[in-house]
Amino acid sequence: MDHNSIELATLFQLGPLQVTNTIITSWAVMAVISLLGWLATRRLQMDPGPVQTVAEGIVSTIEEAIHSVAPDHANQLLPFIGSLWIFLVSANLSGLIPGVHSPTRDLSATAALAILVFLSVHWFGIRAQGLKAHLHHYLTPSPVLLPFHIISEITRTIALAVRLFGNIMSLEMAALLILLVAGFLAPIPILMLHIIEALVQAYIFGMLALIYVAGGLQSQQLAQQKTIESNEE
C-alpha cells in the first residue's frame, strides 16, 4: 500500500460516512480556530492587550483586502472571506506538525471548499439583488451566452479546487523527497518554503473566492444599470 492510500484510508465509519484523516484534521483545525477566536474575544477592552491587538490586526488586514476589491460589500463579505482565509492558512500550515497531513492536499477537501465558494457567489448575489435579477445577468447581454456563463462557472470551480490541491500536494511531496535525500541537513529552508507557500496558496484561493463573489455582486449592479439606461433611452 502506497503513502497516499494510507493517508486517505478510512479510520472508522459512521453509517455511510467514512471518516478519514482529512476529516479529522479539518475538524481539529476548526476546533482550534474556534477556541482561539473565543479566547481572543471573550474579554475585549478599549485598551487592547497583545492577544486582542493581534486579533484586531488580522481582522483589519482581511477587511482592507476585501475593501480593495468590493468596497461596497466589505462588511457583508468579511465573515465568509475572513473565515475562509483563516481556515486555509491554518489547514495549509497544519502539514508542518509531525505525523499530520494538510487537509488541503486531499482533492475532496479542496473540492468541498471550491463548491462552497460556488454556492456563496449565488447566495450573496441572490441576497443582494433577488433571484430574478441574479438569474437575469446570465442572459446579459444576449441569451446566446448562457451556455458560456454556465461553462465558465463550472470550469473556474474545478480549477479552484485542483489548483490548491496540486500546489499543496506537490509542496509536501517535494519536502518529503528532499528530506529523504538530504536527511535533516536542511530542515530550516524546507520549513520556510512550506510556510511561505502555504500562506501564498491560502491568499490566492481566498482572493479568487473574493473576486468571484464580488464579481457576482457587481454583475448584478451592472445589469441593473444597463436596464435603467435602456429604459431611459
C-alpha atoms as a PDB file:
ATOM      1  CA  MET A   1       0.000   0.000   0.000  1.00  0.00           C
ATOM      2  CA  ASP A   2       1.476   3.359  -1.011  1.00  0.00           C
ATOM      3  CA  HIS A   3       1.726   6.521   1.063  1.00  0.00           C
ATOM      4  CA  ASN A   4      -1.369   8.204  -0.403  1.00  0.00           C
ATOM      5  CA  SER A   5      -3.618   5.192   0.129  1.00  0.00           C
ATOM      6  CA  ILE A   6      -2.506   5.011   3.778  1.00  0.00           C
ATOM      7  CA  GLU A   7      -3.151   8.696   4.272  1.00  0.00           C
ATOM      8  CA  LEU A   8      -6.671   8.543   2.849  1.00  0.00           C
ATOM      9  CA  ALA A   9      -7.589   5.223   4.471  1.00  0.00           C
ATOM     10  CA  THR A  10     -10.812   5.129   6.454  1.00  0.00           C
ATOM     11  CA  LEU A  11     -10.128   5.458  10.188  1.00  0.00           C
ATOM     12  CA  PHE A  12     -13.645   4.431  11.161  1.00  0.00           C
ATOM     13  CA  GLN A  13     -17.136   4.534   9.731  1.00  0.00           C
ATOM     14  CA  LEU A  14     -20.342   6.153  10.992  1.00  0.00           C
ATOM     15  CA  GLY A  15     -23.089   4.555   8.962  1.00  0.00           C
ATOM     16  CA  PRO A  16     -22.490   5.522   5.336  1.00  0.00           C
ATOM     17  CA  LEU A  17     -19.911   8.183   6.353  1.00  0.00           C
ATOM     18  CA  GLN A  18     -16.277   7.156   6.047  1.00  0.00           C
ATOM     19  CA  VAL A  19     -14.120   9.188   8.438  1.00  0.00           C
ATOM     20  CA  THR A  20     -10.611   9.758   7.072  1.00  0.00           C
ATOM     21  CA  ASN A  21      -7.536  11.651   8.277  1.00  0.00           C
ATOM     22  CA  THR A  22      -8.674  14.617   6.202  1.00  0.00           C
ATOM     23  CA  ILE A  23     -11.964  14.896   8.079  1.00  0.00           C
ATOM     24  CA  ILE A  24     -10.317  14.525  11.485  1.00  0.00           C
ATOM     25  CA  THR A  25      -7.661  17.128  10.706  1.00  0.00           C
ATOM     26  CA  SER A  26     -10.204  19.551   9.234  1.00  0.00           C
ATOM     27  CA  TRP A  27     -12.425  19.363  12.297  1.00  0.00           C
ATOM     28  CA  ALA A  28      -9.401  19.668  14.572  1.00  0.00           C
ATOM     29  CA  VAL A  29      -8.319  22.816  12.725  1.00  0.00           C
ATOM     30  CA  MET A  30     -11.828  24.290  13.002  1.00  0.00           C
ATOM     31  CA  ALA A  31     -11.963  23.434  16.719  1.00  0.00           C
ATOM     32  CA  VAL A  32      -8.612  25.130  17.367  1.00  0.00           C
ATOM     33  CA  ILE A  33      -9.648  28.220  15.379  1.00  0.00           C
ATOM     34  CA  SER A  34     -12.951  28.418  17.290  1.00  0.00           C
ATOM     35  CA  LEU A  35     -11.178  28.063  20.635  1.00  0.00           C
ATOM     36  CA  LEU A  36      -8.584  30.707  19.803  1.00  0.00           C
ATOM     37  CA  GLY A  37     -11.295  33.033  18.500  1.00  0.00           C
ATOM     38  CA  TRP A  38     -13.266  32.626  21.724  1.00  0.00           C
ATOM     39  CA  LEU A  39     -10.205  33.207  23.878  1.00  0.00           C
ATOM     40  CA  ALA A  40      -9.232  36.302  21.875  1.00  0.00           C
ATOM     41  CA  THR A  41     -12.678  37.918  22.033  1.00  0.00           C
ATOM     42  CA  ARG A  42     -14.094  36.949  25.422  1.00  0.00           C
ATOM     43  CA  ARG A  43     -12.607  39.981  27.198  1.00  0.00           C
ATOM     44  CA  LEU A  44     -12.433  42.813  24.690  1.00  0.00           C
ATOM     45  CA  GLN A  45     -11.124  46.100  26.033  1.00  0.00           C
ATOM     46  CA  MET A  46     -10.744  49.651  24.785  1.00  0.00           C
ATOM     47  CA  ASP A  47      -7.046  49.408  25.643  1.00  0.00           C
ATOM     48  CA  PRO A  48      -6.201  46.098  23.918  1.00  0.00           C
ATOM     49  CA  GLY A  49      -3.602  43.708  25.202  1.00  0.00           C
ATOM     50  CA  PRO A  50      -1.201  41.693  22.998  1.00  0.00           C
ATOM     51  CA  VAL A  51      -3.731  38.963  22.098  1.00  0.00           C
ATOM     52  CA  GLN A  52      -6.504  41.411  21.236  1.00  0.00           C
ATOM     53  CA  THR A  53      -4.041  43.524  19.239  1.00  0.00           C
ATOM     54  CA  VAL A  54      -3.054  40.528  17.128  1.00  0.00           C
ATOM     55  CA  ALA A  55      -6.699  39.558  16.597  1.00  0.00           C
ATOM     56  CA  GLU A  56      -7.651  43.100  15.594  1.00  0.00           C
ATOM     57  CA  GLY A  57      -4.665  43.263  13.270  1.00  0.00           C
ATOM     58  CA  ILE A  58      -5.737  40.061  11.486  1.00  0.00           C
ATOM     59  CA  VAL A  59      -9.324  41.269  11.106  1.00  0.00           C
ATOM     60  CA  SER A  60      -8.207  44.714   9.912  1.00  0.00           C
ATOM     61  CA  THR A  61      -5.843  43.218   7.321  1.00  0.00           C
ATOM     62  CA  ILE A  62      -8.566  40.961   5.926  1.00  0.00           C
ATOM     63  CA  GLU A  63     -11.069  43.818   5.936  1.00  0.00           C
ATOM     64  CA  GLU A  64      -8.693  46.062   3.984  1.00  0.00           C
ATOM     65  CA  ALA A  65      -8.123  43.317   1.396  1.00  0.00           C
ATOM     66  CA  ILE A  66     -11.873  42.862   0.954  1.00  0.00           C
ATOM     67  CA  HIS A  67     -12.439  46.615   0.790  1.00  0.00           C
ATOM     68  CA  SER A  68      -9.900  46.928  -2.018  1.00  0.00           C
ATOM     69  CA  VAL A  69     -11.922  44.508  -4.174  1.00  0.00           C
ATOM     70  CA  ALA A  70     -15.514  45.103  -3.051  1.00  0.00           C
ATOM     71  CA  PRO A  71     -15.682  48.396  -1.111  1.00  0.00           C
ATOM     72  CA  ASP A  72     -19.486  48.473  -1.093  1.00  0.00           C
ATOM     73  CA  HIS A  73     -19.800  44.974   0.368  1.00  0.00           C
ATOM     74  CA  ALA A  74     -16.810  44.741   2.743  1.00  0.00           C
ATOM     75  CA  ASN A  75     -18.881  44.303   5.911  1.00  0.00           C
ATOM     76  CA  GLN A  76     -21.132  41.771   4.219  1.00  0.00           C
ATOM     77  CA  LEU A  77     -18.274  39.621   2.900  1.00  0.00           C
ATOM     78  CA  LEU A  78     -15.942  39.862   5.906  1.00  0.00           C
ATOM     79  CA  PRO A  79     -17.366  36.906   7.898  1.00  0.00           C
ATOM     80  CA  PHE A  80     -17.236  34.475   4.978  1.00  0.00           C
ATOM     81  CA  ILE A  81     -13.972  35.551   3.329  1.00  0.00           C
ATOM     82  CA  GLY A  82     -12.260  36.086   6.672  1.00  0.00           C
ATOM     83  CA  SER A  83     -13.247  32.639   7.932  1.00  0.00           C
ATOM     84  CA  LEU A  84     -12.154  31.079   4.651  1.00  0.00           C
ATOM     85  CA  TRP A  85      -8.739  32.753   4.768  1.00  0.00           C
ATOM     86  CA  ILE A  86      -8.104  31.842   8.399  1.00  0.00           C
ATOM     87  CA  PHE A  87      -9.115  28.228   7.810  1.00  0.00           C
ATOM     88  CA  LEU A  88      -6.935  27.916   4.700  1.00  0.00           C
ATOM     89  CA  VAL A  89      -3.869  29.323   6.430  1.00  0.00           C
ATOM     90  CA  SER A  90      -4.365  27.026   9.412  1.00  0.00           C
ATOM     91  CA  ALA A  91      -5.115  23.964   7.262  1.00  0.00           C
ATOM     92  CA  ASN A  92      -2.125  24.537   4.985  1.00  0.00           C
ATOM     93  CA  LEU A  93       0.227  25.066   7.921  1.00  0.00           C
ATOM     94  CA  SER A  94      -1.080  22.002   9.770  1.00  0.00           C
ATOM     95  CA  GLY A  95       1.146  19.921   7.498  1.00  0.00           C
ATOM     96  CA  LEU A  96       4.118  21.197   9.491  1.00  0.00           C
ATOM     97  CA  ILE A  97       3.004  19.175  12.515  1.00  0.00           C
ATOM     98  CA  PRO A  98       4.808  15.807  12.582  1.00  0.00           C
ATOM     99  CA  GLY A  99       2.506  12.981  11.555  1.00  0.00           C
ATOM    100  CA  VAL A 100      -0.192  15.351  10.282  1.00  0.00           C
ATOM    101  CA  HIS A 101      -1.013  15.987   6.641  1.00  0.00           C
ATOM    102  CA  SER A 102      -2.708  19.164   5.487  1.00  0.00           C
ATOM    103  CA  PRO A 103      -6.389  18.618   4.630  1.00  0.00           C
ATOM    104  CA  THR A 104      -5.888  20.724   1.508  1.00  0.00           C
ATOM    105  CA  ARG A 105      -3.643  18.064  -0.019  1.00  0.00           C
ATOM    106  CA  ASP A 106      -6.820  15.967  -0.378  1.00  0.00           C
ATOM    107  CA  LEU A 107      -8.809  16.762  -3.523  1.00  0.00           C
ATOM    108  CA  SER A 108     -12.089  16.038  -1.756  1.00  0.00           C
ATOM    109  CA  ALA A 109     -11.364  18.802   0.766  1.00  0.00           C
ATOM    110  CA  THR A 110     -10.366  21.398  -1.823  1.00  0.00           C
ATOM    111  CA  ALA A 111     -13.370  20.405  -3.960  1.00  0.00           C
ATOM    112  CA  ALA A 112     -15.648  20.996  -0.960  1.00  0.00           C
ATOM    113  CA  LEU A 113     -14.109  24.439  -0.446  1.00  0.00           C
ATOM    114  CA  ALA A 114     -14.486  25.280  -4.141  1.00  0.00           C
ATOM    115  CA  ILE A 115     -18.140  24.186  -4.102  1.00  0.00           C
ATOM    116  CA  LEU A 116     -18.668  26.360  -1.022  1.00  0.00           C
ATOM    117  CA  VAL A 117     -17.285  29.329  -2.948  1.00  0.00           C
ATOM    118  CA  PHE A 118     -19.505  28.472  -5.933  1.00  0.00           C
ATOM    119  CA  LEU A 119     -22.616  28.401  -3.740  1.00  0.00           C
ATOM    120  CA  SER A 120     -21.571  31.591  -1.957  1.00  0.00           C
ATOM    121  CA  VAL A 121     -21.377  33.501  -5.228  1.00  0.00           C
ATOM    122  CA  HIS A 122     -25.048  32.758  -5.863  1.00  0.00           C
ATOM    123  CA  TRP A 123     -26.053  33.156  -2.224  1.00  0.00           C
ATOM    124  CA  PHE A 124     -24.650  36.678  -1.977  1.00  0.00           C
ATOM    125  CA  GLY A 125     -25.953  37.553  -5.439  1.00  0.00           C
ATOM    126  CA  ILE A 126     -29.493  36.459  -4.634  1.00  0.00           C
ATOM    127  CA  ARG A 127     -29.439  38.187  -1.248  1.00  0.00           C
ATOM    128  CA  ALA A 128     -28.209  41.439  -2.774  1.00  0.00           C
ATOM    129  CA  GLN A 129     -30.392  41.647  -5.863  1.00  0.00           C
ATOM    130  CA  GLY A 130     -33.058  38.964  -5.667  1.00  0.00           C
ATOM    131  CA  LEU A 131     -33.433  35.698  -7.553  1.00  0.00           C
ATOM    132  CA  LYS A 132     -34.821  37.197 -10.768  1.00  0.00           C
ATOM    133  CA  ALA A 133     -32.077  39.785 -11.161  1.00  0.00           C
ATOM    134  CA  HIS A 134     -29.408  37.248 -10.281  1.00  0.00           C
ATOM    135  CA  LEU A 135     -30.566  34.824 -12.966  1.00  0.00           C
ATOM    136  CA  HIS A 136     -31.114  37.594 -15.487  1.00  0.00           C
ATOM    137  CA  HIS A 137     -27.439  38.567 -15.610  1.00  0.00           C
ATOM    138  CA  TYR A 138     -26.653  35.156 -17.151  1.00  0.00           C
ATOM    139  CA  LEU A 139     -28.719  36.264 -20.149  1.00  0.00           C
ATOM    140  CA  THR A 140     -26.888  39.597 -20.436  1.00  0.00           C
ATOM    141  CA  PRO A 141     -26.068  40.961 -22.976  1.00  0.00           C
ATOM    142  CA  SER A 142     -27.561  38.068 -25.001  1.00  0.00           C
ATOM    143  CA  PRO A 143     -29.282  34.766 -24.096  1.00  0.00           C
ATOM    144  CA  VAL A 144     -26.862  33.087 -26.511  1.00  0.00           C
ATOM    145  CA  LEU A 145     -24.138  33.495 -23.883  1.00  0.00           C
ATOM    146  CA  LEU A 146     -25.985  31.405 -21.271  1.00  0.00           C
ATOM    147  CA  PRO A 147     -24.080  28.150 -22.024  1.00  0.00           C
ATOM    148  CA  PHE A 148     -20.770  30.002 -21.865  1.00  0.00           C
ATOM    149  CA  HIS A 149     -21.672  31.517 -18.478  1.00  0.00           C
ATOM    150  CA  ILE A 150     -22.528  28.065 -17.142  1.00  0.00           C
ATOM    151  CA  ILE A 151     -19.321  26.520 -18.512  1.00  0.00           C
ATOM    152  CA  SER A 152     -17.310  29.372 -17.004  1.00  0.00           C
ATOM    153  CA  GLU A 153     -18.888  28.809 -13.573  1.00  0.00           C
ATOM    154  CA  ILE A 154     -18.098  25.079 -13.676  1.00  0.00           C
ATOM    155  CA  THR A 155     -14.555  25.328 -15.016  1.00  0.00           C
ATOM    156  CA  ARG A 156     -13.433  28.009 -12.585  1.00  0.00           C
ATOM    157  CA  THR A 157     -14.803  25.961  -9.675  1.00  0.00           C
ATOM    158  CA  ILE A 158     -12.864  22.908 -10.843  1.00  0.00           C
ATOM    159  CA  ALA A 159      -9.730  24.993 -11.388  1.00  0.00           C
ATOM    160  CA  LEU A 160     -10.055  26.473  -7.901  1.00  0.00           C
ATOM    161  CA  ALA A 161     -10.134  23.015  -6.323  1.00  0.00           C
ATOM    162  CA  VAL A 162      -7.389  21.462  -8.451  1.00  0.00           C
ATOM    163  CA  ARG A 163      -5.013  24.436  -8.092  1.00  0.00           C
ATOM    164  CA  LEU A 164      -4.958  24.339  -4.292  1.00  0.00           C
ATOM    165  CA  PHE A 165      -4.814  20.541  -4.167  1.00  0.00           C
ATOM    166  CA  GLY A 166      -1.978  20.332  -6.693  1.00  0.00           C
ATOM    167  CA  ASN A 167       0.148  23.004  -5.078  1.00  0.00           C
ATOM    168  CA  ILE A 168      -0.149  21.698  -1.517  1.00  0.00           C
ATOM    169  CA  MET A 169       0.325  18.089  -2.630  1.00  0.00           C
ATOM    170  CA  SER A 170       3.435  18.942  -4.653  1.00  0.00           C
ATOM    171  CA  LEU A 171       4.796  21.066  -1.788  1.00  0.00           C
ATOM    172  CA  GLU A 172       4.530  18.247   0.753  1.00  0.00           C
ATOM    173  CA  MET A 173       5.860  15.650  -1.691  1.00  0.00           C
ATOM    174  CA  ALA A 174       8.835  17.856  -2.574  1.00  0.00           C
ATOM    175  CA  ALA A 175       9.603  18.401   1.110  1.00  0.00           C
ATOM    176  CA  LEU A 176       9.362  14.659   1.739  1.00  0.00           C
ATOM    177  CA  LEU A 177      11.695  13.822  -1.152  1.00  0.00           C
ATOM    178  CA  ILE A 178      14.264  16.405  -0.059  1.00  0.00           C
ATOM    179  CA  LEU A 179      14.225  15.048   3.494  1.00  0.00           C
ATOM    180  CA  LEU A 180      14.654  11.500   2.202  1.00  0.00           C
ATOM    181  CA  VAL A 181      17.651  12.517   0.089  1.00  0.00           C
ATOM    182  CA  ALA A 182      19.321  15.083   2.336  1.00  0.00           C
ATOM    183  CA  GLY A 183      18.093  13.799   5.685  1.00  0.00           C
ATOM    184  CA  PHE A 184      17.705  16.568   8.228  1.00  0.00           C
ATOM    185  CA  LEU A 185      20.651  18.618   6.958  1.00  0.00           C
ATOM    186  CA  ALA A 186      18.420  21.322   5.549  1.00  0.00           C
ATOM    187  CA  PRO A 187      15.209  21.417   7.664  1.00  0.00           C
ATOM    188  CA  ILE A 188      15.059  25.194   8.087  1.00  0.00           C
ATOM    189  CA  PRO A 189      14.954  26.099   4.345  1.00  0.00           C
ATOM    190  CA  ILE A 190      12.312  23.420   3.789  1.00  0.00           C
ATOM    191  CA  LEU A 191      10.309  24.722   6.731  1.00  0.00           C
ATOM    192  CA  MET A 192      10.474  28.310   5.451  1.00  0.00           C
ATOM    193  CA  LEU A 193       9.480  27.178   1.947  1.00  0.00           C
ATOM    194  CA  HIS A 194       6.499  25.316   3.351  1.00  0.00           C
ATOM    195  CA  ILE A 195       5.333  28.293   5.404  1.00  0.00           C
ATOM    196  CA  ILE A 196       5.684  30.775   2.546  1.00  0.00           C
ATOM    197  CA  GLU A 197       3.978  28.517   0.006  1.00  0.00           C
ATOM    198  CA  ALA A 198       1.178  27.672   2.426  1.00  0.00           C
ATOM    199  CA  LEU A 199       0.492  31.369   3.022  1.00  0.00           C
ATOM    200  CA  VAL A 200       0.673  32.176  -0.698  1.00  0.00           C
ATOM    201  CA  GLN A 201      -1.748  29.402  -1.666  1.00  0.00           C
ATOM    202  CA  ALA A 202      -4.187  30.422   1.057  1.00  0.00           C
ATOM    203  CA  TYR A 203      -4.020  34.020  -0.137  1.00  0.00           C
ATOM    204  CA  ILE A 204      -4.570  33.061  -3.785  1.00  0.00           C
ATOM    205  CA  PHE A 205      -7.553  30.822  -3.031  1.00  0.00           C
ATOM    206  CA  GLY A 206      -9.154  33.405  -0.750  1.00  0.00           C
ATOM    207  CA  MET A 207      -8.533  36.247  -3.172  1.00  0.00           C
ATOM    208  CA  LEU A 208     -10.015  34.299  -6.085  1.00  0.00           C
ATOM    209  CA  ALA A 209     -13.046  33.481  -3.948  1.00  0.00           C
ATOM    210  CA  LEU A 210     -13.381  37.174  -3.088  1.00  0.00           C
ATOM    211  CA  ILE A 211     -13.096  38.182  -6.742  1.00  0.00           C
ATOM    212  CA  TYR A 212     -15.724  35.631  -7.798  1.00  0.00           C
ATOM    213  CA  VAL A 213     -18.191  36.724  -5.128  1.00  0.00           C
ATOM    214  CA  ALA A 214     -17.548  40.419  -5.740  1.00  0.00           C
ATOM    215  CA  GLY A 215     -17.843  39.860  -9.488  1.00  0.00           C
ATOM    216  CA  GLY A 216     -21.234  38.246  -8.978  1.00  0.00           C
ATOM    217  CA  LEU A 217     -22.425  41.185  -6.887  1.00  0.00           C
ATOM    218  CA  GLN A 218     -21.083  43.767  -9.326  1.00  0.00           C
ATOM    219  CA  SER A 219     -22.529  41.936 -12.318  1.00  0.00           C
ATOM    220  CA  GLN A 220     -25.968  42.363 -10.783  1.00  0.00           C
ATOM    221  CA  GLN A 221     -25.363  46.089 -10.378  1.00  0.00           C
ATOM    222  CA  LEU A 222     -24.119  46.429 -13.948  1.00  0.00           C
ATOM    223  CA  ALA A 223     -27.140  44.554 -15.258  1.00  0.00           C
ATOM    224  CA  GLN A 224     -29.486  46.846 -13.330  1.00  0.00           C
ATOM    225  CA  GLN A 225     -27.610  49.911 -14.541  1.00  0.00           C
ATOM    226  CA  LYS A 226     -27.891  48.776 -18.151  1.00  0.00           C
ATOM    227  CA  THR A 227     -31.607  48.115 -17.687  1.00  0.00           C
ATOM    228  CA  ILE A 228     -32.135  51.609 -16.247  1.00  0.00           C
ATOM    229  CA  GLU A 229     -30.164  53.208 -19.071  1.00  0.00           C
ATOM    230  CA  SER A 230     -32.107  51.307 -21.703  1.00  0.00           C
ATOM    231  CA  ASN A 231     -35.412  52.344 -20.106  1.00  0.00           C
ATOM    232  CA  GLU A 232     -34.321  55.981 -20.027  1.00  0.00           C
ATOM    233  CA  GLU A 233     -33.427  55.855 -23.682  1.00  0.00           C
END
